[in-house]
Protein backbone atom coordinates (compact mmCIF):
# COMPACT_ATOMS: atom_id res chain seq x y z
CA MET A 1 80.27 97.99 118.30
CA GLN A 2 80.54 94.78 120.24
CA ASN A 3 82.70 91.78 120.99
CA VAL A 4 85.91 93.55 120.10
CA GLN A 5 88.86 91.19 119.69
CA SER A 6 92.55 91.81 119.59
CA GLY A 7 94.18 92.05 116.18
CA ASN A 8 97.64 91.35 117.59
CA SER A 9 99.81 88.76 115.90
CA ARG A 10 99.65 86.29 118.78
CA SER A 11 96.90 84.16 120.29
CA ARG A 12 97.21 84.22 124.08
CA CYS A 13 95.73 81.62 126.42
CA SER A 14 96.19 83.82 129.47
CA GLY A 15 97.36 87.28 130.38
CA GLY A 16 97.51 90.01 127.77
CA LEU A 17 99.01 93.36 126.94
CA THR A 18 97.81 96.59 128.47
CA THR A 19 97.35 98.80 125.41
CA LEU A 20 97.23 102.51 124.77
CA ARG A 21 94.47 104.18 122.81
CA LEU A 22 95.92 106.19 119.93
CA LEU A 23 96.17 109.94 120.34
CA PRO A 24 96.05 111.72 116.93
CA ALA A 25 99.76 112.06 116.27
CA ALA A 26 99.29 115.27 114.37
CA LEU A 27 98.48 117.09 117.60
CA VAL A 28 101.75 115.96 119.15
CA LEU A 29 103.75 116.73 116.01
CA ILE A 30 102.29 120.21 115.80
CA GLY A 31 103.59 120.85 119.32
CA ILE A 32 107.06 119.68 118.26
CA VAL A 33 107.18 121.80 115.11
CA ALA A 34 105.77 124.93 116.76
CA THR A 35 107.76 124.96 120.01
CA GLY A 36 110.68 122.65 119.41
CA SER A 37 109.63 120.56 122.38
CA LEU A 38 106.68 118.61 123.69
CA ARG A 39 104.24 120.30 126.00
CA GLN A 40 103.27 118.31 129.07
CA GLN A 41 99.68 117.93 127.87
CA ASP A 42 100.90 116.45 124.57
CA VAL A 43 102.33 113.39 126.27
CA LEU A 44 100.21 110.43 127.24
CA ALA A 45 101.24 108.57 130.37
CA LEU A 46 101.82 104.91 129.71
CA PRO A 47 99.53 102.55 131.65
CA SER A 48 100.97 100.42 134.39
CA PRO A 49 102.21 96.93 133.40
CA SER A 50 99.82 94.01 133.57
CA LYS A 51 99.80 92.27 136.94
CA ASP A 52 98.89 88.85 135.63
CA PRO A 53 99.92 86.32 138.32
CA ALA A 54 101.04 83.94 135.56
CA GLN A 55 103.89 86.31 134.77
CA LYS A 56 105.52 85.42 138.07
CA HIS A 57 106.25 81.91 136.81
CA GLU A 58 109.12 81.10 134.49
CA THR A 59 108.15 80.12 130.97
CA SER A 60 109.92 78.15 128.27
CA LYS A 61 109.77 78.63 124.52
CA ALA A 62 109.65 75.95 121.83
CA ILE A 63 109.51 76.14 118.03
CA GLY A 64 108.46 73.10 116.05
CA LEU A 65 105.85 71.21 114.03
CA VAL A 66 102.50 70.04 115.36
CA THR A 67 102.33 66.25 115.09
CA ASP A 68 99.06 65.66 116.95
CA ILE A 69 96.26 67.79 118.34
CA GLU A 70 93.27 67.00 120.53
CA ALA A 71 90.70 69.06 122.43
CA GLY A 72 92.95 69.70 125.43
CA GLN A 73 96.35 68.58 124.23
CA MET A 74 98.90 69.36 121.52
CA THR A 75 102.07 67.48 120.58
CA VAL A 76 104.94 69.46 119.07
CA GLN A 77 108.13 68.06 117.55
CA THR A 78 110.75 70.72 118.31
CA LYS A 79 113.71 71.62 116.11
CA ASP A 80 116.11 69.67 118.32
CA GLY A 81 114.01 66.51 117.98
CA THR A 82 112.27 66.72 121.36
CA THR A 83 108.65 65.62 121.56
CA LEU A 84 106.75 68.16 123.65
CA VAL A 85 103.26 67.31 124.90
CA LEU A 86 101.36 70.46 125.90
CA THR A 87 98.17 70.70 127.93
CA THR A 88 96.05 73.43 126.32
CA LEU A 89 93.40 75.60 127.93
CA GLU A 90 91.77 76.22 124.54
CA ASP A 91 90.66 73.87 121.77
CA TYR A 92 92.95 74.55 118.81
CA ARG A 93 91.60 71.83 116.53
CA ASP A 94 89.78 74.28 114.27
CA ARG A 95 92.72 76.71 114.16
CA VAL A 96 95.91 74.66 113.88
CA ALA A 97 96.47 71.80 111.44
CA VAL A 98 98.84 68.89 111.90
CA GLY A 99 102.11 69.83 110.22
CA SER A 100 101.84 73.54 111.07
CA GLN A 101 104.93 75.27 112.41
CA VAL A 102 104.18 76.96 115.73
CA THR A 103 105.97 78.83 118.48
CA ALA A 104 104.78 77.84 121.95
CA TRP A 105 105.36 79.51 125.30
CA TYR A 106 104.59 77.13 128.13
CA TYR A 107 104.93 76.49 131.87
CA PRO A 108 107.04 73.40 132.69
CA GLN A 109 105.53 71.42 135.58
CA ASP A 110 107.38 69.57 138.35
CA ASN A 111 105.89 66.26 137.21
CA GLY A 112 107.27 66.68 133.68
CA ASP A 113 104.06 67.97 132.10
CA ALA A 114 103.82 71.29 130.27
CA VAL A 115 100.93 73.78 130.24
CA LEU A 116 100.59 76.06 127.22
CA LYS A 117 100.62 79.79 127.95
CA SER A 118 100.41 81.22 124.42
CA LEU A 119 100.86 80.09 120.85
CA ASP A 120 101.93 81.65 117.56
CA TYR A 121 100.31 79.78 114.67
CA PRO A 122 99.57 80.42 110.97
CA LEU A 123 96.60 82.60 110.15
CA GLU A 124 95.68 80.07 107.48
CA ALA A 125 95.42 76.30 107.82
CA LEU A 126 94.68 73.45 105.42
CA PHE A 127 93.31 70.29 107.02
CA VAL A 128 93.21 68.28 103.77
CA PRO A 129 95.28 68.47 100.56
CA VAL A 130 94.34 71.29 98.20
CA GLY A 131 93.64 68.73 95.47
CA THR A 132 90.96 67.15 97.62
CA ILE A 133 89.17 70.48 97.94
CA THR A 134 89.26 71.36 94.25
CA ALA A 135 88.29 67.84 93.17
CA ARG A 136 85.34 67.34 95.51
CA ILE A 137 83.84 70.80 95.84
CA HIS A 138 81.77 72.29 93.03
CA ARG A 139 78.75 73.72 94.81
CA ILE A 140 78.83 75.60 98.13
CA VAL A 141 76.57 77.59 100.37
CA MET A 142 77.77 80.59 102.41
CA LEU A 143 76.78 81.24 106.01
CA PRO A 144 77.64 84.92 106.53
CA ASN A 145 77.60 86.74 109.84
CA SER A 146 78.78 90.22 110.74
CA GLN A 147 79.26 92.32 113.87
CA LEU A 148 79.43 95.36 111.60
CA PRO A 149 76.68 96.94 109.48
CA ASP A 150 76.67 97.05 105.68
CA ALA A 151 78.79 93.93 105.09
CA ASP A 152 76.56 92.54 102.32
CA GLY A 153 78.89 93.88 99.67
CA LEU A 154 81.65 91.59 100.96
CA TYR A 155 79.45 88.51 100.58
CA ASP A 156 78.74 89.47 96.98
CA GLU A 157 82.45 89.95 96.27
CA VAL A 158 83.31 86.52 97.74
CA ARG A 159 80.55 84.79 95.80
CA ASP A 160 81.66 86.33 92.48
CA TYR A 161 85.35 85.61 93.16
CA LEU A 162 84.78 81.92 93.98
CA HIS A 163 82.59 81.48 90.93
CA ASP A 164 85.01 83.22 88.56
CA THR A 165 88.22 81.70 90.00
CA LEU A 166 87.22 78.18 91.06
CA GLY A 167 84.04 77.72 89.06
CA TRP A 168 82.02 77.05 92.21
CA TYR A 169 78.30 77.56 92.21
CA VAL A 170 77.27 79.46 95.35
CA ALA A 171 73.72 78.77 96.54
CA PRO A 172 71.55 81.78 97.47
CA SER A 173 72.32 83.07 100.96
CA TYR A 174 68.66 83.08 102.00
CA LEU A 175 68.50 79.34 101.41
CA GLY A 176 71.48 78.67 103.68
CA ASP A 177 70.11 81.00 106.35
CA GLU A 178 66.76 79.21 106.43
CA VAL A 179 68.28 75.74 106.66
CA ARG A 180 70.69 76.92 109.36
CA ARG A 181 67.84 78.41 111.40
CA ARG A 182 65.95 75.13 111.35
CA ALA A 183 69.05 73.09 112.17
CA GLN A 184 69.95 75.34 115.10
CA GLN A 185 66.44 75.04 116.51
CA SER A 186 66.71 71.26 116.51
CA SER A 187 70.12 71.55 118.23
CA SER A 188 69.02 73.90 121.02
CA MET A 189 70.24 73.40 124.59
CA LEU A 190 66.71 72.56 125.72
CA SER A 191 66.65 69.52 123.47
CA SER A 192 69.68 68.17 125.36
CA MET A 193 68.01 68.37 128.78
CA ASP A 194 66.78 65.16 130.40
CA PRO A 195 63.14 65.95 131.36
CA ARG A 196 63.18 63.38 134.15
CA THR A 197 66.37 64.40 135.96
CA GLY A 198 66.93 67.92 134.65
CA ASN A 199 70.54 67.01 133.81
CA PHE A 200 72.21 68.57 130.78
CA ASP A 201 73.80 66.19 128.26
CA MET A 202 76.89 68.17 127.18
CA SER A 203 78.27 65.51 124.81
CA GLY A 204 74.91 65.17 123.12
CA TYR A 205 74.59 68.92 122.71
CA LEU A 206 78.07 69.24 121.17
CA ASN A 207 77.36 66.41 118.73
CA LYS A 208 74.12 68.09 117.66
CA SER A 209 75.84 71.46 117.25
CA GLU A 210 78.59 69.97 115.08
CA SER A 211 75.95 68.37 112.87
CA VAL A 212 74.44 71.77 111.98
CA ILE A 213 76.99 72.24 109.18
CA ALA A 214 76.18 68.81 107.74
CA LYS A 215 72.45 69.61 107.86
CA VAL A 216 73.01 72.90 106.04
CA ALA A 217 75.05 71.15 103.34
CA SER A 218 72.41 68.44 102.92
CA GLY A 219 69.49 70.87 102.98
CA THR A 220 71.04 73.04 100.26
CA ARG A 221 72.49 70.09 98.27
CA SER A 222 75.95 71.59 98.58
CA ASP A 223 79.38 69.95 98.58
CA ALA A 224 80.67 72.37 101.22
CA VAL A 225 79.71 75.18 103.57
CA LEU A 226 81.70 78.42 103.82
CA GLU A 227 81.34 80.29 107.10
CA LEU A 228 82.21 83.96 106.70
CA ASN A 229 82.35 86.07 109.86
CA VAL A 230 83.13 89.78 109.88
CA ILE A 231 84.34 90.87 113.30
CA GLN A 232 85.69 94.03 114.89
CA VAL A 233 89.18 93.94 116.39
CA GLU A 234 91.64 96.45 117.80
CA ALA A 235 94.54 96.96 115.38
CA PRO A 236 97.93 97.91 116.90
CA VAL A 237 99.33 101.16 115.47
CA TYR A 238 102.94 102.33 115.33
CA ARG A 239 103.81 105.71 113.79
CA LEU A 240 100.40 105.93 112.05
CA GLU A 241 100.76 102.47 110.45
CA ALA A 242 98.27 99.79 111.55
CA SER A 243 99.25 96.12 111.37
CA TRP A 244 96.86 93.28 112.20
CA ASP A 245 95.83 89.82 111.02
CA GLY A 246 98.25 89.63 108.12
CA VAL A 247 97.73 93.12 106.67
CA GLU A 248 99.19 96.60 107.04
CA GLU A 249 97.36 99.84 106.36
CA PRO A 250 98.27 103.51 106.86
CA MET A 251 95.79 105.52 108.87
CA ALA A 252 96.97 108.91 107.60
CA GLY A 253 98.47 110.48 104.49
CA ALA A 254 102.14 110.27 103.56
CA ALA A 255 102.98 113.71 104.97
CA PHE A 256 101.69 112.89 108.45
CA ARG A 257 103.37 109.49 108.42
CA THR A 258 106.70 111.13 107.55
CA LEU A 259 106.32 113.52 110.48
CA ALA A 260 105.43 110.60 112.74
CA LYS A 261 108.68 108.86 111.78
CA MET A 262 110.62 112.02 112.68
CA SER A 263 109.02 112.21 116.12
CA MET A 264 111.39 111.54 119.03
CA ILE A 265 108.64 109.71 120.93
CA PRO A 266 107.15 106.71 119.11
CA ARG A 267 103.37 106.96 118.92
CA ARG A 268 101.73 103.64 119.71
CA GLY A 269 98.10 102.75 120.19
CA GLN A 270 95.12 100.91 118.71
CA VAL A 271 92.28 101.69 116.34
CA PRO A 272 89.12 99.73 115.44
CA ALA A 273 89.46 97.52 112.39
CA ALA A 274 87.49 94.84 110.54
CA THR A 275 88.76 91.27 110.19
CA VAL A 276 87.23 88.39 108.25
CA GLU A 277 87.25 84.81 109.53
CA LEU A 278 86.71 82.11 106.89
CA LYS A 279 85.98 78.43 107.52
CA LEU A 280 85.30 75.88 104.79
CA TRP A 281 83.53 72.67 105.87
CA ASP A 282 82.86 69.58 103.76
CA ALA A 283 79.40 68.05 103.46
CA ARG A 284 80.03 65.80 106.48
CA GLY A 285 80.84 68.73 108.74
CA ASN A 286 84.62 68.33 108.72
CA LEU A 287 86.74 71.48 108.64
CA VAL A 288 88.96 71.44 105.52
CA TRP A 289 90.34 75.00 105.42
CA ARG A 290 90.36 78.17 107.50
CA ASN A 291 91.79 81.63 107.21
CA ARG A 292 91.71 84.92 109.06
CA ARG A 293 92.64 88.18 107.37
CA GLY A 294 92.32 91.87 108.17
CA LEU A 295 89.95 93.75 105.89
CA ALA A 296 89.98 97.48 106.68
CA LEU A 297 90.49 100.15 109.32
CA LEU A 298 87.24 101.53 110.71
CA GLU A 299 88.82 104.81 111.82
CA VAL A 300 91.39 106.91 109.98
CA MET A 301 92.94 110.35 110.43
CA ASN A 302 90.98 113.15 108.78
CA GLY A 303 92.58 115.20 106.02
CA LYS A 304 93.75 117.95 108.38
CA GLY A 305 95.24 115.47 110.83
CA THR A 306 93.31 116.88 113.76
CA HIS A 307 91.25 113.87 114.78
CA LEU A 308 90.13 110.35 113.88
CA GLU A 309 86.98 109.87 111.85
CA ASP A 310 84.82 106.83 111.14
CA ARG A 311 85.25 104.96 107.87
CA PRO A 312 82.34 102.56 107.22
CA LEU A 313 82.85 99.25 105.43
CA PRO A 314 81.22 100.35 102.13
CA ALA A 315 84.09 102.83 101.65
CA THR A 316 86.45 99.84 101.41
CA LEU A 317 84.11 97.42 99.64
CA GLY A 318 83.55 99.97 96.87
CA ASP A 319 87.25 99.92 95.91
CA GLY A 320 87.30 97.22 93.22
CA GLU A 321 91.09 96.94 92.85
CA ARG A 322 91.65 96.74 96.58
CA MET A 323 88.99 94.06 97.03
CA GLN A 324 90.46 92.01 94.17
CA ARG A 325 93.85 92.03 95.90
CA TRP A 326 92.20 91.06 99.18
CA MET A 327 90.38 88.12 97.59
CA GLU A 328 93.55 86.84 95.95
CA ALA A 329 95.41 86.96 99.27
CA ALA A 330 92.58 85.45 101.32
CA PHE A 331 91.93 82.47 99.03
CA LYS A 332 95.39 81.93 97.58
CA SER A 333 95.90 78.52 99.23
CA ILE A 334 92.81 76.97 97.66
CA ALA A 335 92.90 78.98 94.43
CA PRO A 336 95.68 78.88 91.81
CA GLY A 337 99.01 80.46 92.81
CA SER A 338 99.00 79.69 96.55
CA ALA A 339 101.82 80.98 98.78
CA PRO A 340 102.80 80.89 102.48
CA THR A 341 100.81 83.03 104.91
CA PRO A 342 101.85 85.04 107.98
CA HIS A 343 101.50 83.85 111.59
CA ARG A 344 99.31 85.17 114.39
C-alpha cells in the first residue's frame, strides 16, 4: 500500500515522532503469565529520539480563534486578547475555517514575527453556514478516489445516505469521472508552458487546476461536487486500542485487551488503518465543507492472539449498523442533529 499518512491527532509542519511498530501483545503477555517476568526477547527496544534540528529552538504555544487565513499566513486571536500573526509553511485554507479554535506551536522571531511549527485544528470545518448548504444544494456529483482496493461499497453507502437523509440526487459516478478526466487534460502542466520562452506559468496553472471542480459541476449540471478520498494511515495503538482521526477501535478481543491493561510495560505502536477525507465544493469551485474521519483498521489480532492479520475494507463495509453510525458521525454537521467534532 502506498502514500501512508499519519493518523495522529496533530498536523505537524516540521519534525515528527519516531514511532514503534506494534508487536502482538499476546506474545509478551504469554511470557508474563508463564514465567512471571519478561524474557529479554519479549521486549522491544525503543528507537532513539528524533534529531530534528528545529527541536533545539524554543517554541511558544497559543490557543485561540482563527480570524484570518491566507496561503502563507494565519491570524489567531488568543484567549488573552493578543493578535498573533503566524507565517505558515503549509496552506491551511482548505483545512481550517475562520472562527475555528486552534492550538498553535510556533517559533518567535527576533524581529517580532512568528513561524508556525505545528497546529491542532478541528477534523471538520464549515466554510459557509449550514443553511446555505441545505438551501442551495439539491444535486451533487461524487469524485471518489482510493488508495485501497474494494472501496466501491463505501461510495454506494455515501450516495444512499445523502439521498435518504438530505434528499440530494447524486449523479452517476461514471459521469463525474469522465468530465473530470476531460477537465484535467485541459488543465495539464504542458498547457501552462510558454512555447516561445519555455517558462512555466505557475499562477495560470493553479487557476486552471482550481477550475476543474467548477467544470465538473457544470458538466454534470450539479449544484456541488463531493470529493471522497480513501487513504491509508498509520493508527497509533495503546494497549491494543487504536485511536486515529476521530475514532477508536479495538484491535483484539476483550480478553486480550484486559491482559494488555494488566501488563507492567505499556504496549505502544502503530497499525495500518483506512481514513476518509471528504470535501464539498459549490458549483463555482469554492470549498464549503470538509471532514476527515477514520473508517477501519486494516490489520487486527487473530483469534488466538498470536499475530496480526489483514482485514480488507469489505469486512467493514458489509456491517450495516456500523456504517450507519459512521455516516451519521461523518455528515452530522450538514445533516440534522449536528454536534462538535474532535481536533487533529
